[in-house]
Amino acid sequence: QVQLVESGGGLVQAGGSLRLSCAASGTIFSINVMGWYRQAPGKQRDLVAAITSSGTTDYADSVKGRFTISRDNAKNTVYLQMNSLKPEDTAVYFCHALIPATTPWGRKTGSDYWGQGTQVTVAS
């Protein structure tokens, strides 16, 4: 089965940087979209950044100019470079992947996969 394994979380002071990595493993021929979501205590899970197989990116307004998402298609890996971190960036960060699938009658669809989450804590 497909699994997403995250790494790179930790504790950093405000203004510092972290780089998150997420590697997808299993029987994978392609991944339509890979991205990062985050969830702070008592808050909903929100999109941080996403990237398509063609390289199109999308960012939450709160991280534009500070975070950069990238992917290595050959390794089925997505990265999130986080610079100028702020205390409000503190959250559990989850990797997400949308992987193509086909129904028995031939309809093309996709399956969602999630990582276990990695804690990012930014100290003021």
PDB file of N, CA and C in Angstrom:
ATOM      1  N   GLN A   1       0.827  -1.177   0.000  1.00  0.00           N
ATOM      2  CA  GLN A   1       0.000   0.000   0.000  1.00  0.00           C
ATOM      3  C   GLN A   1       0.876   1.247   0.000  1.00  0.00           C
ATOM      4  N   VAL A   2       0.265   2.366  -0.301  1.00  0.00           N
ATOM      5  CA  VAL A   2       0.982   3.629  -0.342  1.00  0.00           C
ATOM      6  C   VAL A   2       1.128   4.186   1.063  1.00  0.00           C
ATOM      7  N   GLN A   3       2.329   4.633   1.378  1.00  0.00           N
ATOM      8  CA  GLN A   3       2.603   5.264   2.659  1.00  0.00           C
ATOM      9  C   GLN A   3       3.360   6.568   2.444  1.00  0.00           C
ATOM     10  N   LEU A   4       3.064   7.548   3.284  1.00  0.00           N
ATOM     11  CA  LEU A   4       3.753   8.829   3.253  1.00  0.00           C
ATOM     12  C   LEU A   4       4.521   8.986   4.555  1.00  0.00           C
ATOM     13  N   VAL A   5       5.822   9.196   4.449  1.00  0.00           N
ATOM     14  CA  VAL A   5       6.681   9.324   5.617  1.00  0.00           C
ATOM     15  C   VAL A   5       7.285  10.719   5.644  1.00  0.00           C
ATOM     16  N   GLU A   6       7.054  11.444   6.732  1.00  0.00           N
ATOM     17  CA  GLU A   6       7.497  12.817   6.876  1.00  0.00           C
ATOM     18  C   GLU A   6       8.724  12.911   7.773  1.00  0.00           C
ATOM     19  N   SER A   7       9.496  13.966   7.566  1.00  0.00           N
ATOM     20  CA  SER A   7      10.645  14.239   8.413  1.00  0.00           C
ATOM     21  C   SER A   7      10.970  15.725   8.346  1.00  0.00           C
ATOM     22  N   GLY A   8      11.741  16.206   9.301  1.00  0.00           N
ATOM     23  CA  GLY A   8      12.223  17.577   9.277  1.00  0.00           C
ATOM     24  C   GLY A   8      11.613  18.509  10.291  1.00  0.00           C
ATOM     25  N   GLY A   9      10.586  18.080  10.993  1.00  0.00           N
ATOM     26  CA  GLY A   9       9.975  18.933  11.994  1.00  0.00           C
ATOM     27  C   GLY A   9      10.883  19.100  13.199  1.00  0.00           C
ATOM     28  N   GLY A  10      10.547  20.067  14.034  1.00  0.00           N
ATOM     29  CA  GLY A  10      11.336  20.307  15.221  1.00  0.00           C
ATOM     30  C   GLY A  10      11.055  21.652  15.832  1.00  0.00           C
ATOM     31  N   LEU A  11      11.955  22.073  16.701  1.00  0.00           N
ATOM     32  CA  LEU A  11      11.852  23.345  17.407  1.00  0.00           C
ATOM     33  C   LEU A  11      12.829  24.344  16.808  1.00  0.00           C
ATOM     34  N   VAL A  12      12.340  25.545  16.532  1.00  0.00           N
ATOM     35  CA  VAL A  12      13.173  26.596  15.968  1.00  0.00           C
ATOM     36  C   VAL A  12      12.730  27.935  16.538  1.00  0.00           C
ATOM     37  N   GLN A  13      13.660  28.876  16.628  1.00  0.00           N
ATOM     38  CA  GLN A  13      13.322  30.211  17.097  1.00  0.00           C
ATOM     39  C   GLN A  13      12.710  31.039  15.980  1.00  0.00           C
ATOM     40  N   ALA A  14      11.929  32.026  16.362  1.00  0.00           N
ATOM     41  CA  ALA A  14      11.328  32.919  15.381  1.00  0.00           C
ATOM     42  C   ALA A  14      12.395  33.503  14.463  1.00  0.00           C
ATOM     43  N   GLY A  15      12.094  33.510  13.171  1.00  0.00           N
ATOM     44  CA  GLY A  15      13.040  33.988  12.186  1.00  0.00           C
ATOM     45  C   GLY A  15      13.911  32.899  11.598  1.00  0.00           C
ATOM     46  N   GLY A  16      13.860  31.721  12.171  1.00  0.00           N
ATOM     47  CA  GLY A  16      14.660  30.610  11.697  1.00  0.00           C
ATOM     48  C   GLY A  16      14.011  29.870  10.550  1.00  0.00           C
ATOM     49  N   SER A  17      14.639  28.764  10.162  1.00  0.00           N
ATOM     50  CA  SER A  17      14.183  27.991   9.011  1.00  0.00           C
ATOM     51  C   SER A  17      14.137  26.506   9.317  1.00  0.00           C
ATOM     52  N   LEU A  18      13.250  25.821   8.631  1.00  0.00           N
ATOM     53  CA  LEU A  18      13.156  24.373   8.667  1.00  0.00           C
ATOM     54  C   LEU A  18      12.807  23.883   7.274  1.00  0.00           C
ATOM     55  N   ARG A  19      13.208  22.657   6.964  1.00  0.00           N
ATOM     56  CA  ARG A  19      12.840  22.035   5.707  1.00  0.00           C
ATOM     57  C   ARG A  19      12.164  20.700   5.990  1.00  0.00           C
ATOM     58  N   LEU A  20      10.915  20.580   5.588  1.00  0.00           N
ATOM     59  CA  LEU A  20      10.169  19.352   5.751  1.00  0.00           C
ATOM     60  C   LEU A  20      10.273  18.504   4.491  1.00  0.00           C
ATOM     61  N   SER A  21      10.320  17.196   4.676  1.00  0.00           N
ATOM     62  CA  SER A  21      10.351  16.262   3.569  1.00  0.00           C
ATOM     63  C   SER A  21       9.260  15.223   3.752  1.00  0.00           C
ATOM     64  N   CYS A  22       8.722  14.749   2.643  1.00  0.00           N
ATOM     65  CA  CYS A  22       7.716  13.703   2.671  1.00  0.00           C
ATOM     66  C   CYS A  22       7.939  12.784   1.480  1.00  0.00           C
ATOM     67  N   ALA A  23       8.203  11.527   1.754  1.00  0.00           N
ATOM     68  CA  ALA A  23       8.450  10.547   0.715  1.00  0.00           C
ATOM     69  C   ALA A  23       7.299   9.550   0.643  1.00  0.00           C
ATOM     70  N   ALA A  24       6.761   9.367  -0.545  1.00  0.00           N
ATOM     71  CA  ALA A  24       5.709   8.390  -0.774  1.00  0.00           C
ATOM     72  C   ALA A  24       6.323   7.083  -1.254  1.00  0.00           C
ATOM     73  N   SER A  25       5.873   5.990  -0.686  1.00  0.00           N
ATOM     74  CA  SER A  25       6.384   4.683  -1.071  1.00  0.00           C
ATOM     75  C   SER A  25       5.230   3.736  -1.375  1.00  0.00           C
ATOM     76  N   GLY A  26       5.534   2.669  -2.090  1.00  0.00           N
ATOM     77  CA  GLY A  26       4.527   1.712  -2.497  1.00  0.00           C
ATOM     78  C   GLY A  26       4.457   1.628  -4.006  1.00  0.00           C
ATOM     79  N   THR A  27       3.373   1.055  -4.495  1.00  0.00           N
ATOM     80  CA  THR A  27       3.175   0.945  -5.937  1.00  0.00           C
ATOM     81  C   THR A  27       2.593   2.254  -6.447  1.00  0.00           C
ATOM     82  N   ILE A  28       3.465   3.103  -6.955  1.00  0.00           N
ATOM     83  CA  ILE A  28       3.073   4.439  -7.409  1.00  0.00           C
ATOM     84  C   ILE A  28       3.642   4.689  -8.791  1.00  0.00           C
ATOM     85  N   PHE A  29       2.772   5.009  -9.713  1.00  0.00           N
ATOM     86  CA  PHE A  29       3.205   5.370 -11.059  1.00  0.00           C
ATOM     87  C   PHE A  29       3.230   6.879 -11.265  1.00  0.00           C
ATOM     88  N   SER A  30       2.366   7.581 -10.567  1.00  0.00           N
ATOM     89  CA  SER A  30       2.341   9.027 -10.638  1.00  0.00           C
ATOM     90  C   SER A  30       1.553   9.572  -9.448  1.00  0.00           C
ATOM     91  N   ILE A  31       1.797  10.833  -9.125  1.00  0.00           N
ATOM     92  CA  ILE A  31       1.067  11.522  -8.068  1.00  0.00           C
ATOM     93  C   ILE A  31       0.603  12.853  -8.632  1.00  0.00           C
ATOM     94  N   ASN A  32      -0.695  13.039  -8.712  1.00  0.00           N
ATOM     95  CA  ASN A  32      -1.228  14.261  -9.306  1.00  0.00           C
ATOM     96  C   ASN A  32      -0.842  15.500  -8.512  1.00  0.00           C
ATOM     97  N   VAL A  33      -1.073  15.445  -7.212  1.00  0.00           N
ATOM     98  CA  VAL A  33      -0.832  16.597  -6.352  1.00  0.00           C
ATOM     99  C   VAL A  33      -0.191  16.129  -5.059  1.00  0.00           C
ATOM    100  N   MET A  34       0.803  16.861  -4.602  1.00  0.00           N
ATOM    101  CA  MET A  34       1.360  16.658  -3.278  1.00  0.00           C
ATOM    102  C   MET A  34       1.327  17.997  -2.554  1.00  0.00           C
ATOM    103  N   GLY A  35       1.106  17.947  -1.263  1.00  0.00           N
ATOM    104  CA  GLY A  35       1.021  19.190  -0.535  1.00  0.00           C
ATOM    105  C   GLY A  35       1.213  19.027   0.955  1.00  0.00           C
ATOM    106  N   TRP A  36       1.149  20.161   1.623  1.00  0.00           N
ATOM    107  CA  TRP A  36       1.291  20.219   3.068  1.00  0.00           C
ATOM    108  C   TRP A  36       0.108  20.951   3.671  1.00  0.00           C
ATOM    109  N   TYR A  37      -0.430  20.377   4.723  1.00  0.00           N
ATOM    110  CA  TYR A  37      -1.469  20.991   5.527  1.00  0.00           C
ATOM    111  C   TYR A  37      -0.949  21.133   6.946  1.00  0.00           C
ATOM    112  N   ARG A  38      -1.564  22.005   7.716  1.00  0.00           N
ATOM    113  CA  ARG A  38      -1.166  22.129   9.114  1.00  0.00           C
ATOM    114  C   ARG A  38      -2.395  22.316   9.991  1.00  0.00           C
ATOM    115  N   GLN A  39      -2.252  21.887  11.232  1.00  0.00           N
ATOM    116  CA  GLN A  39      -3.333  21.986  12.191  1.00  0.00           C
ATOM    117  C   GLN A  39      -2.772  22.368  13.550  1.00  0.00           C
ATOM    118  N   ALA A  40      -3.183  23.522  14.042  1.00  0.00           N
ATOM    119  CA  ALA A  40      -2.806  23.984  15.362  1.00  0.00           C
ATOM    120  C   ALA A  40      -3.843  23.504  16.368  1.00  0.00           C
ATOM    121  N   PRO A  41      -3.488  23.455  17.649  1.00  0.00           N
ATOM    122  CA  PRO A  41      -4.442  23.006  18.667  1.00  0.00           C
ATOM    123  C   PRO A  41      -5.741  23.804  18.623  1.00  0.00           C
ATOM    124  N   GLY A  42      -6.869  23.107  18.581  1.00  0.00           N
ATOM    125  CA  GLY A  42      -8.162  23.752  18.553  1.00  0.00           C
ATOM    126  C   GLY A  42      -8.546  24.353  17.221  1.00  0.00           C
ATOM    127  N   LYS A  43      -7.733  24.157  16.196  1.00  0.00           N
ATOM    128  CA  LYS A  43      -8.001  24.721  14.882  1.00  0.00           C
ATOM    129  C   LYS A  43      -8.245  23.617  13.854  1.00  0.00           C
ATOM    130  N   GLN A  44      -8.833  24.000  12.728  1.00  0.00           N
ATOM    131  CA  GLN A  44      -9.045  23.051  11.648  1.00  0.00           C
ATOM    132  C   GLN A  44      -7.758  22.856  10.859  1.00  0.00           C
ATOM    133  N   ARG A  45      -7.736  21.790  10.080  1.00  0.00           N
ATOM    134  CA  ARG A  45      -6.586  21.523   9.229  1.00  0.00           C
ATOM    135  C   ARG A  45      -6.697  22.351   7.953  1.00  0.00           C
ATOM    136  N   ASP A  46      -5.690  23.159   7.688  1.00  0.00           N
ATOM    137  CA  ASP A  46      -5.713  24.071   6.550  1.00  0.00           C
ATOM    138  C   ASP A  46      -4.556  23.802   5.599  1.00  0.00           C
ATOM    139  N   LEU A  47      -4.788  24.109   4.338  1.00  0.00           N
ATOM    140  CA  LEU A  47      -3.745  23.975   3.319  1.00  0.00           C
ATOM    141  C   LEU A  47      -2.642  24.993   3.561  1.00  0.00           C
ATOM    142  N   VAL A  48      -1.413  24.542   3.496  1.00  0.00           N
ATOM    143  CA  VAL A  48      -0.253  25.415   3.556  1.00  0.00           C
ATOM    144  C   VAL A  48       0.277  25.664   2.149  1.00  0.00           C
ATOM    145  N   ALA A  49       0.528  24.588   1.419  1.00  0.00           N
ATOM    146  CA  ALA A  49       1.039  24.680   0.057  1.00  0.00           C
ATOM    147  C   ALA A  49       0.786  23.380  -0.666  1.00  0.00           C
ATOM    148  N   ALA A  50       0.661  23.460  -1.982  1.00  0.00           N
ATOM    149  CA  ALA A  50       0.463  22.275  -2.802  1.00  0.00           C
ATOM    150  C   ALA A  50       1.177  22.453  -4.123  1.00  0.00           C
ATOM    151  N   ILE A  51       1.521  21.337  -4.751  1.00  0.00           N
ATOM    152  CA  ILE A  51       2.202  21.377  -6.034  1.00  0.00           C
ATOM    153  C   ILE A  51       1.716  20.229  -6.899  1.00  0.00           C
ATOM    154  N   THR A  52       1.420  20.512  -8.161  1.00  0.00           N
ATOM    155  CA  THR A  52       0.957  19.496  -9.088  1.00  0.00           C
ATOM    156  C   THR A  52       2.140  18.798  -9.734  1.00  0.00           C
ATOM    157  N   SER A  53       1.841  17.749 -10.486  1.00  0.00           N
ATOM    158  CA  SER A  53       2.891  17.011 -11.179  1.00  0.00           C
ATOM    159  C   SER A  53       3.591  17.858 -12.232  1.00  0.00           C
ATOM    160  N   SER A  54       2.917  18.885 -12.722  1.00  0.00           N
ATOM    161  CA  SER A  54       3.504  19.768 -13.717  1.00  0.00           C
ATOM    162  C   SER A  54       4.262  20.938 -13.109  1.00  0.00           C
ATOM    163  N   GLY A  55       4.200  21.078 -11.788  1.00  0.00           N
ATOM    164  CA  GLY A  55       4.944  22.125 -11.121  1.00  0.00           C
ATOM    165  C   GLY A  55       4.150  23.341 -10.702  1.00  0.00           C
ATOM    166  N   THR A  56       2.853  23.358 -10.958  1.00  0.00           N
ATOM    167  CA  THR A  56       2.022  24.469 -10.525  1.00  0.00           C
ATOM    168  C   THR A  56       1.882  24.453  -9.010  1.00  0.00           C
ATOM    169  N   THR A  57       2.047  25.610  -8.381  1.00  0.00           N
ATOM    170  CA  THR A  57       2.015  25.696  -6.925  1.00  0.00           C
ATOM    171  C   THR A  57       0.880  26.564  -6.430  1.00  0.00           C
ATOM    172  N   ASP A  58       0.503  26.330  -5.182  1.00  0.00           N
ATOM    173  CA  ASP A  58      -0.529  27.110  -4.519  1.00  0.00           C
ATOM    174  C   ASP A  58      -0.109  27.263  -3.063  1.00  0.00           C
ATOM    175  N   TYR A  59      -0.261  28.477  -2.518  1.00  0.00           N
ATOM    176  CA  TYR A  59       0.150  28.755  -1.155  1.00  0.00           C
ATOM    177  C   TYR A  59      -0.952  29.458  -0.394  1.00  0.00           C
ATOM    178  N   ALA A  60      -1.010  29.190   0.895  1.00  0.00           N
ATOM    179  CA  ALA A  60      -1.849  29.991   1.764  1.00  0.00           C
ATOM    180  C   ALA A  60      -1.282  31.404   1.828  1.00  0.00           C
ATOM    181  N   ASP A  61      -2.157  32.397   1.921  1.00  0.00           N
ATOM    182  CA  ASP A  61      -1.699  33.784   1.957  1.00  0.00           C
ATOM    183  C   ASP A  61      -0.722  34.042   3.103  1.00  0.00           C
ATOM    184  N   SER A  62      -0.911  33.366   4.211  1.00  0.00           N
ATOM    185  CA  SER A  62      -0.097  33.606   5.391  1.00  0.00           C
ATOM    186  C   SER A  62       1.353  33.157   5.243  1.00  0.00           C
ATOM    187  N   VAL A  63       1.644  32.334   4.233  1.00  0.00           N
ATOM    188  CA  VAL A  63       3.007  31.826   4.073  1.00  0.00           C
ATOM    189  C   VAL A  63       3.663  32.273   2.780  1.00  0.00           C
ATOM    190  N   LYS A  64       2.948  32.983   1.938  1.00  0.00           N
ATOM    191  CA  LYS A  64       3.512  33.434   0.669  1.00  0.00           C
ATOM    192  C   LYS A  64       4.736  34.316   0.906  1.00  0.00           C
ATOM    193  N   GLY A  65       5.785  34.038   0.172  1.00  0.00           N
ATOM    194  CA  GLY A  65       7.021  34.778   0.322  1.00  0.00           C
ATOM    195  C   GLY A  65       7.952  34.214   1.366  1.00  0.00           C
ATOM    196  N   ARG A  66       7.466  33.310   2.197  1.00  0.00           N
ATOM    197  CA  ARG A  66       8.286  32.711   3.249  1.00  0.00           C
ATOM    198  C   ARG A  66       8.515  31.217   3.038  1.00  0.00           C
ATOM    199  N   PHE A  67       7.495  30.523   2.533  1.00  0.00           N
ATOM    200  CA  PHE A  67       7.581  29.082   2.330  1.00  0.00           C
ATOM    201  C   PHE A  67       7.697  28.774   0.842  1.00  0.00           C
ATOM    202  N   THR A  68       8.405  27.710   0.515  1.00  0.00           N
ATOM    203  CA  THR A  68       8.535  27.250  -0.854  1.00  0.00           C
ATOM    204  C   THR A  68       8.321  25.746  -0.912  1.00  0.00           C
ATOM    205  N   ILE A  69       7.397  25.317  -1.769  1.00  0.00           N
ATOM    206  CA  ILE A  69       7.147  23.896  -1.944  1.00  0.00           C
ATOM    207  C   ILE A  69       7.812  23.421  -3.228  1.00  0.00           C
ATOM    208  N   SER A  70       8.350  22.223  -3.202  1.00  0.00           N
ATOM    209  CA  SER A  70       8.971  21.633  -4.375  1.00  0.00           C
ATOM    210  C   SER A  70       8.789  20.124  -4.322  1.00  0.00           C
ATOM    211  N   ARG A  71       9.052  19.465  -5.438  1.00  0.00           N
ATOM    212  CA  ARG A  71       8.910  18.010  -5.466  1.00  0.00           C
ATOM    213  C   ARG A  71       9.937  17.384  -6.391  1.00  0.00           C
ATOM    214  N   ASP A  72      10.275  16.160  -6.084  1.00  0.00           N
ATOM    215  CA  ASP A  72      11.144  15.344  -6.908  1.00  0.00           C
ATOM    216  C   ASP A  72      10.298  14.171  -7.373  1.00  0.00           C
ATOM    217  N   ASN A  73       9.817  14.234  -8.599  1.00  0.00           N
ATOM    218  CA  ASN A  73       8.912  13.207  -9.105  1.00  0.00           C
ATOM    219  C   ASN A  73       9.560  11.826  -9.160  1.00  0.00           C
ATOM    220  N   ALA A  74      10.847  11.781  -9.462  1.00  0.00           N
ATOM    221  CA  ALA A  74      11.542  10.504  -9.545  1.00  0.00           C
ATOM    222  C   ALA A  74      11.586   9.804  -8.192  1.00  0.00           C
ATOM    223  N   LYS A  75      11.618  10.578  -7.124  1.00  0.00           N
ATOM    224  CA  LYS A  75      11.674  10.022  -5.779  1.00  0.00           C
ATOM    225  C   LYS A  75      10.328  10.044  -5.070  1.00  0.00           C
ATOM    226  N   ASN A  76       9.299  10.544  -5.752  1.00  0.00           N
ATOM    227  CA  ASN A  76       7.973  10.693  -5.153  1.00  0.00           C
ATOM    228  C   ASN A  76       8.054  11.407  -3.806  1.00  0.00           C
ATOM    229  N   THR A  77       8.792  12.492  -3.796  1.00  0.00           N
ATOM    230  CA  THR A  77       9.057  13.227  -2.575  1.00  0.00           C
ATOM    231  C   THR A  77       8.680  14.697  -2.741  1.00  0.00           C
ATOM    232  N   VAL A  78       8.077  15.256  -1.707  1.00  0.00           N
ATOM    233  CA  VAL A  78       7.737  16.672  -1.693  1.00  0.00           C
ATOM    234  C   VAL A  78       8.455  17.332  -0.524  1.00  0.00           C
ATOM    235  N   TYR A  79       8.856  18.589  -0.722  1.00  0.00           N
ATOM    236  CA  TYR A  79       9.588  19.331   0.287  1.00  0.00           C
ATOM    237  C   TYR A  79       8.863  20.637   0.591  1.00  0.00           C
ATOM    238  N   LEU A  80       9.050  21.114   1.795  1.00  0.00           N
ATOM    239  CA  LEU A  80       8.550  22.424   2.174  1.00  0.00           C
ATOM    240  C   LEU A  80       9.664  23.169   2.883  1.00  0.00           C
ATOM    241  N   GLN A  81      10.229  24.151   2.200  1.00  0.00           N
ATOM    242  CA  GLN A  81      11.247  25.008   2.794  1.00  0.00           C
ATOM    243  C   GLN A  81      10.542  26.148   3.504  1.00  0.00           C
ATOM    244  N   MET A  82      10.747  26.259   4.802  1.00  0.00           N
ATOM    245  CA  MET A  82      10.076  27.257   5.614  1.00  0.00           C
ATOM    246  C   MET A  82      11.112  28.233   6.157  1.00  0.00           C
ATOM    247  N   ASN A  83      11.027  29.473   5.725  1.00  0.00           N
ATOM    248  CA  ASN A  83      11.928  30.521   6.168  1.00  0.00           C
ATOM    249  C   ASN A  83      11.161  31.585   6.940  1.00  0.00           C
ATOM    250  N   SER A  84      11.893  32.403   7.675  1.00  0.00           N
ATOM    251  CA  SER A  84      11.293  33.491   8.449  1.00  0.00           C
ATOM    252  C   SER A  84      10.118  32.994   9.280  1.00  0.00           C
ATOM    253  N   LEU A  85      10.323  31.918   9.977  1.00  0.00           N
ATOM    254  CA  LEU A  85       9.240  31.298  10.736  1.00  0.00           C
ATOM    255  C   LEU A  85       8.749  32.202  11.858  1.00  0.00           C
ATOM    256  N   LYS A  86       7.454  32.134  12.087  1.00  0.00           N
ATOM    257  CA  LYS A  86       6.784  32.917  13.113  1.00  0.00           C
ATOM    258  C   LYS A  86       6.128  31.988  14.124  1.00  0.00           C
ATOM    259  N   PRO A  87       5.913  32.465  15.356  1.00  0.00           N
ATOM    260  CA  PRO A  87       5.236  31.620  16.343  1.00  0.00           C
ATOM    261  C   PRO A  87       3.893  31.090  15.859  1.00  0.00           C
ATOM    262  N   GLU A  88       3.185  31.863  15.059  1.00  0.00           N
ATOM    263  CA  GLU A  88       1.891  31.427  14.551  1.00  0.00           C
ATOM    264  C   GLU A  88       1.990  30.299  13.527  1.00  0.00           C
ATOM    265  N   ASP A  89       3.206  29.969  13.100  1.00  0.00           N
ATOM    266  CA  ASP A  89       3.406  28.820  12.228  1.00  0.00           C
ATOM    267  C   ASP A  89       3.420  27.508  13.007  1.00  0.00           C
ATOM    268  N   THR A  90       3.441  27.585  14.316  1.00  0.00           N
ATOM    269  CA  THR A  90       3.468  26.391  15.152  1.00  0.00           C
ATOM    270  C   THR A  90       2.229  25.543  14.904  1.00  0.00           C
ATOM    271  N   ALA A  91       2.445  24.280  14.556  1.00  0.00           N
ATOM    272  CA  ALA A  91       1.341  23.370  14.251  1.00  0.00           C
ATOM    273  C   ALA A  91       1.909  21.993  13.942  1.00  0.00           C
ATOM    274  N   VAL A  92       1.009  21.033  13.810  1.00  0.00           N
ATOM    275  CA  VAL A  92       1.379  19.744  13.254  1.00  0.00           C
ATOM    276  C   VAL A  92       1.205  19.843  11.748  1.00  0.00           C
ATOM    277  N   TYR A  93       2.245  19.515  11.016  1.00  0.00           N
ATOM    278  CA  TYR A  93       2.218  19.596   9.566  1.00  0.00           C
ATOM    279  C   TYR A  93       2.025  18.205   8.972  1.00  0.00           C
ATOM    280  N   PHE A  94       1.055  18.097   8.068  1.00  0.00           N
ATOM    281  CA  PHE A  94       0.699  16.827   7.449  1.00  0.00           C
ATOM    282  C   PHE A  94       0.993  16.843   5.962  1.00  0.00           C
ATOM    283  N   CYS A  95       1.632  15.803   5.492  1.00  0.00           N
ATOM    284  CA  CYS A  95       1.846  15.616   4.073  1.00  0.00           C
ATOM    285  C   CYS A  95       0.607  14.982   3.449  1.00  0.00           C
ATOM    286  N   HIS A  96       0.301  15.383   2.216  1.00  0.00           N
ATOM    287  CA  HIS A  96      -0.852  14.849   1.510  1.00  0.00           C
ATOM    288  C   HIS A  96      -0.484  14.536   0.066  1.00  0.00           C
ATOM    289  N   ALA A  97      -1.062  13.468  -0.454  1.00  0.00           N
ATOM    290  CA  ALA A  97      -0.855  13.109  -1.850  1.00  0.00           C
ATOM    291  C   ALA A  97      -2.157  12.649  -2.473  1.00  0.00           C
ATOM    292  N   LEU A  98      -2.398  13.086  -3.695  1.00  0.00           N
ATOM    293  CA  LEU A  98      -3.542  12.642  -4.479  1.00  0.00           C
ATOM    294  C   LEU A  98      -2.997  11.779  -5.605  1.00  0.00           C
ATOM    295  N   ILE A  99      -3.334  10.499  -5.562  1.00  0.00           N
ATOM    296  CA  ILE A  99      -2.783   9.523  -6.492  1.00  0.00           C
ATOM    297  C   ILE A  99      -3.876   9.023  -7.423  1.00  0.00           C
ATOM    298  N   PRO A 100      -3.620   9.014  -8.733  1.00  0.00           N
ATOM    299  CA  PRO A 100      -4.652   8.590  -9.684  1.00  0.00           C
ATOM    300  C   PRO A 100      -5.135   7.169  -9.432  1.00  0.00           C
ATOM    301  N   ALA A 101      -6.411   6.959  -9.715  1.00  0.00           N
ATOM    302  CA  ALA A 101      -7.010   5.636  -9.623  1.00  0.00           C
ATOM    303  C   ALA A 101      -8.083   5.527 -10.697  1.00  0.00           C
ATOM    304  N   THR A 102      -8.438   4.309 -11.038  1.00  0.00           N
ATOM    305  CA  THR A 102      -9.450   4.050 -12.057  1.00  0.00           C
ATOM    306  C   THR A 102     -10.478   3.073 -11.512  1.00  0.00           C
ATOM    307  N   THR A 103     -11.747   3.394 -11.698  1.00  0.00           N
ATOM    308  CA  THR A 103     -12.818   2.513 -11.265  1.00  0.00           C
ATOM    309  C   THR A 103     -12.893   1.294 -12.178  1.00  0.00           C
ATOM    310  N   PRO A 104     -13.567   0.231 -11.745  1.00  0.00           N
ATOM    311  CA  PRO A 104     -13.698  -0.961 -12.603  1.00  0.00           C
ATOM    312  C   PRO A 104     -14.351  -0.670 -13.940  1.00  0.00           C
ATOM    313  N   TRP A 105     -15.163   0.381 -14.028  1.00  0.00           N
ATOM    314  CA  TRP A 105     -15.819   0.716 -15.287  1.00  0.00           C
ATOM    315  C   TRP A 105     -15.051   1.770 -16.082  1.00  0.00           C
ATOM    316  N   GLY A 106     -13.867   2.096 -15.628  1.00  0.00           N
ATOM    317  CA  GLY A 106     -12.982   2.944 -16.403  1.00  0.00           C
ATOM    318  C   GLY A 106     -12.958   4.411 -16.064  1.00  0.00           C
ATOM    319  N   ARG A 107     -13.684   4.855 -15.065  1.00  0.00           N
ATOM    320  CA  ARG A 107     -13.664   6.264 -14.689  1.00  0.00           C
ATOM    321  C   ARG A 107     -12.382   6.593 -13.936  1.00  0.00           C
ATOM    322  N   LYS A 108     -11.739   7.652 -14.380  1.00  0.00           N
ATOM    323  CA  LYS A 108     -10.521   8.087 -13.730  1.00  0.00           C
ATOM    324  C   LYS A 108     -10.843   8.933 -12.513  1.00  0.00           C
ATOM    325  N   THR A 109     -10.238   8.589 -11.398  1.00  0.00           N
ATOM    326  CA  THR A 109     -10.451   9.311 -10.162  1.00  0.00           C
ATOM    327  C   THR A 109      -9.126   9.369  -9.403  1.00  0.00           C
ATOM    328  N   GLY A 110      -9.187   9.677  -8.114  1.00  0.00           N
ATOM    329  CA  GLY A 110      -7.971   9.763  -7.328  1.00  0.00           C
ATOM    330  C   GLY A 110      -8.202   9.311  -5.904  1.00  0.00           C
ATOM    331  N   SER A 111      -7.126   8.904  -5.257  1.00  0.00           N
ATOM    332  CA  SER A 111      -7.171   8.466  -3.871  1.00  0.00           C
ATOM    333  C   SER A 111      -6.300   9.381  -3.019  1.00  0.00           C
ATOM    334  N   ASP A 112      -6.794   9.726  -1.850  1.00  0.00           N
ATOM    335  CA  ASP A 112      -6.081  10.605  -0.931  1.00  0.00           C
ATOM    336  C   ASP A 112      -5.265   9.797   0.068  1.00  0.00           C
ATOM    337  N   TYR A 113      -4.038  10.248   0.290  1.00  0.00           N
ATOM    338  CA  TYR A 113      -3.169   9.641   1.284  1.00  0.00           C
ATOM    339  C   TYR A 113      -2.590  10.731   2.168  1.00  0.00           C
ATOM    340  N   TRP A 114      -2.412  10.401   3.448  1.00  0.00           N
ATOM    341  CA  TRP A 114      -1.928  11.355   4.430  1.00  0.00           C
ATOM    342  C   TRP A 114      -0.760  10.789   5.218  1.00  0.00           C
ATOM    343  N   GLY A 115       0.179  11.657   5.544  1.00  0.00           N
ATOM    344  CA  GLY A 115       1.250  11.283   6.439  1.00  0.00           C
ATOM    345  C   GLY A 115       0.782  11.327   7.877  1.00  0.00           C
ATOM    346  N   GLN A 116       1.658  10.924   8.774  1.00  0.00           N
ATOM    347  CA  GLN A 116       1.300  10.858  10.191  1.00  0.00           C
ATOM    348  C   GLN A 116       1.357  12.209  10.887  1.00  0.00           C
ATOM    349  N   GLY A 117       1.982  13.179  10.271  1.00  0.00           N
ATOM    350  CA  GLY A 117       2.130  14.501  10.844  1.00  0.00           C
ATOM    351  C   GLY A 117       3.460  14.667  11.553  1.00  0.00           C
ATOM    352  N   THR A 118       4.028  15.857  11.447  1.00  0.00           N
ATOM    353  CA  THR A 118       5.268  16.176  12.134  1.00  0.00           C
ATOM    354  C   THR A 118       5.113  17.532  12.820  1.00  0.00           C
ATOM    355  N   GLN A 119       5.561  17.606  14.062  1.00  0.00           N
ATOM    356  CA  GLN A 119       5.387  18.814  14.857  1.00  0.00           C
ATOM    357  C   GLN A 119       6.415  19.870  14.490  1.00  0.00           C
ATOM    358  N   VAL A 120       5.938  21.080  14.255  1.00  0.00           N
ATOM    359  CA  VAL A 120       6.792  22.244  14.057  1.00  0.00           C
ATOM    360  C   VAL A 120       6.450  23.246  15.147  1.00  0.00           C
ATOM    361  N   THR A 121       7.444  23.602  15.946  1.00  0.00           N
ATOM    362  CA  THR A 121       7.250  24.556  17.018  1.00  0.00           C
ATOM    363  C   THR A 121       8.193  25.732  16.835  1.00  0.00           C
ATOM    364  N   VAL A 122       7.641  26.930  16.793  1.00  0.00           N
ATOM    365  CA  VAL A 122       8.425  28.145  16.616  1.00  0.00           C
ATOM    366  C   VAL A 122       8.351  28.952  17.905  1.00  0.00           C
ATOM    367  N   ALA A 123       9.473  29.132  18.548  1.00  0.00           N
ATOM    368  CA  ALA A 123       9.547  29.855  19.808  1.00  0.00           C
ATOM    369  C   ALA A 123       9.781  31.343  19.563  1.00  0.00           C
ATOM    370  N   SER A 124       9.095  32.177  20.326  1.00  0.00           N
ATOM    371  CA  SER A 124       9.250  33.620  20.195  1.00  0.00           C
ATOM    372  C   SER A 124      10.464  34.114  20.965  1.00  0.00           C
TER     373      SER A 124
END
